[in-house]
Amino acid sequence: MNRLIPLLCSLFLLAACATATIGTDFNDAALSTFEIGATTFAEARAALGTPESSALTPKGNWLHRWAYVRSDANAWGWSVQTTARRKLVVLVFDGDEKLLGIAQLDGIDLSAADRKRLAAKPQAQQGK
């Protein structure tokens, strides 16, 4: 019986913690090194990993999307604590695979100067 109590406590602790993820985590700090007109899609992929999705616009530009969500839940007695982390970036590249800018950014700590410098012009999201 004395051996059963630690085992039950261990099972309770394991059952009390859960983590769920969607997507693959990526190095969002690399975004600050990107340059419009200079950074290629191959360089972005090397820095961020393979995008979750890609789409070709009618005008021939590419939208590449990287997304990651992590949710943690911890239950202690009657209390449940949850935390979530979400990161999303959509980059626009021209037909020559050169960066036109960031079309969408969420949950990523990027300086105001970098946000302004890397913001895609509205016409870039549609095409030339």
Protein backbone atom coordinates (compact mmCIF):
# COMPACT_ATOMS: atom_id res chain seq x y z
CA MET A 1 0.00 0.00 0.00
CA ASN A 2 2.86 2.39 0.80
CA ARG A 3 4.17 1.95 -2.76
CA LEU A 4 0.78 2.70 -4.25
CA ILE A 5 0.51 6.23 -2.84
CA PRO A 6 3.57 7.66 -4.68
CA LEU A 7 2.41 5.99 -7.87
CA LEU A 8 -1.05 7.55 -7.59
CA CYS A 9 0.46 10.96 -6.82
CA SER A 10 2.70 10.70 -9.90
CA LEU A 11 -0.25 9.78 -12.10
CA PHE A 12 -2.20 12.76 -10.76
CA LEU A 13 0.67 15.13 -11.56
CA LEU A 14 0.98 13.77 -15.10
CA ALA A 15 -2.75 14.07 -15.68
CA ALA A 16 -2.75 17.61 -14.29
CA CYS A 17 -0.52 19.05 -17.03
CA ALA A 18 -1.23 19.19 -20.75
CA THR A 19 0.34 20.93 -23.75
CA ALA A 20 -1.10 21.27 -27.24
CA THR A 21 0.66 22.75 -30.26
CA ILE A 22 -0.38 23.62 -33.78
CA GLY A 23 2.26 24.25 -36.41
CA THR A 24 6.01 24.32 -36.00
CA ASP A 25 7.73 26.93 -33.87
CA PHE A 26 9.91 29.33 -35.85
CA ASN A 27 12.63 31.88 -35.09
CA ASP A 28 10.62 35.10 -35.35
CA ALA A 29 13.67 37.13 -34.22
CA ALA A 30 15.11 36.53 -37.70
CA LEU A 31 12.46 38.85 -39.18
CA SER A 32 14.42 41.90 -38.02
CA THR A 33 17.29 40.88 -40.33
CA PHE A 34 15.11 40.74 -43.46
CA GLU A 35 15.36 43.45 -46.12
CA ILE A 36 12.71 44.36 -48.68
CA GLY A 37 13.98 43.68 -52.20
CA ALA A 38 17.02 41.77 -50.94
CA THR A 39 15.86 38.85 -48.79
CA THR A 40 14.91 35.85 -50.93
CA PHE A 41 12.30 33.22 -50.19
CA ALA A 42 15.10 30.64 -49.84
CA GLU A 43 16.73 32.80 -47.14
CA ALA A 44 13.41 33.29 -45.33
CA ARG A 45 12.75 29.54 -45.44
CA ALA A 46 16.25 28.85 -44.09
CA ALA A 47 15.64 31.29 -41.21
CA LEU A 48 12.01 30.44 -40.40
CA GLY A 49 11.56 26.89 -41.67
CA THR A 50 9.04 25.65 -44.21
CA PRO A 51 5.92 27.84 -44.34
CA GLU A 52 2.62 26.36 -43.20
CA SER A 53 0.96 27.46 -46.42
CA SER A 54 1.67 29.36 -49.62
CA ALA A 55 -0.60 31.03 -52.15
CA LEU A 56 -0.01 32.64 -55.52
CA THR A 57 -1.85 35.92 -56.09
CA PRO A 58 -3.49 36.66 -59.47
CA LYS A 59 -0.67 39.14 -60.22
CA GLY A 60 2.11 36.61 -59.60
CA ASN A 61 3.22 37.45 -56.06
CA TRP A 62 3.53 34.77 -53.39
CA LEU A 63 2.04 34.88 -49.88
CA HIS A 64 3.87 32.53 -47.49
CA ARG A 65 2.42 31.93 -44.00
CA TRP A 66 4.21 30.76 -40.86
CA ALA A 67 2.04 30.08 -37.80
CA TYR A 68 2.56 28.47 -34.40
CA VAL A 69 0.23 28.11 -31.41
CA ARG A 70 1.11 26.55 -28.07
CA SER A 71 -1.38 26.11 -25.25
CA ASP A 72 -0.49 24.85 -21.79
CA ALA A 73 -2.97 23.82 -19.09
CA ASN A 74 -2.16 23.05 -15.48
CA ALA A 75 -4.70 21.79 -12.97
CA TRP A 76 -4.07 21.92 -9.26
CA GLY A 77 -6.98 20.76 -7.19
CA TRP A 78 -10.02 22.73 -8.36
CA SER A 79 -8.02 25.40 -10.17
CA VAL A 80 -7.06 25.24 -13.85
CA GLN A 81 -4.53 27.69 -15.27
CA THR A 82 -4.04 28.03 -19.02
CA THR A 83 -1.52 29.97 -21.06
CA ALA A 84 -1.37 30.35 -24.82
CA ARG A 85 1.29 31.66 -27.19
CA ARG A 86 0.47 32.47 -30.80
CA LYS A 87 2.83 33.61 -33.55
CA LEU A 88 1.83 34.40 -37.12
CA VAL A 89 3.61 36.07 -40.02
CA VAL A 90 2.63 36.29 -43.68
CA LEU A 91 5.41 37.42 -46.01
CA VAL A 92 4.90 38.63 -49.58
CA PHE A 93 7.44 37.77 -52.28
CA ASP A 94 7.48 38.82 -55.91
CA GLY A 95 7.78 36.44 -58.86
CA ASP A 96 11.58 36.62 -58.56
CA GLU A 97 11.28 35.41 -54.93
CA LYS A 98 12.41 38.75 -53.44
CA LEU A 99 10.71 40.02 -50.28
CA LEU A 100 8.07 42.70 -50.79
CA GLY A 101 7.20 42.90 -47.08
CA ILE A 102 5.12 41.63 -44.21
CA ALA A 103 1.41 41.35 -45.03
CA GLN A 104 0.31 40.14 -41.58
CA LEU A 105 1.98 39.91 -38.17
CA ASP A 106 0.49 38.70 -34.88
CA GLY A 107 2.00 37.75 -31.54
CA ILE A 108 5.55 38.59 -32.60
CA ASP A 109 7.69 41.17 -30.80
CA LEU A 110 9.10 43.25 -33.63
CA SER A 111 10.26 46.84 -33.06
CA ALA A 112 8.12 49.67 -34.40
CA ALA A 113 10.95 50.67 -36.75
CA ASP A 114 11.20 47.13 -38.17
CA ARG A 115 7.41 46.91 -38.51
CA LYS A 116 7.36 50.13 -40.50
CA ARG A 117 10.41 49.19 -42.59
CA LEU A 118 9.05 45.73 -43.46
CA ALA A 119 5.36 46.58 -43.95
CA ALA A 120 4.15 45.43 -47.37
CA LYS A 121 2.45 48.05 -49.47
CA PRO A 122 -1.22 47.15 -50.12
CA GLN A 123 -0.61 46.70 -53.85
CA ALA A 124 2.21 44.19 -53.09
CA GLN A 125 -0.30 41.86 -51.47
CA GLN A 126 -2.35 41.83 -54.67
CA GLY A 127 0.45 42.02 -57.19
CA LYS A 128 2.28 44.60 -59.25
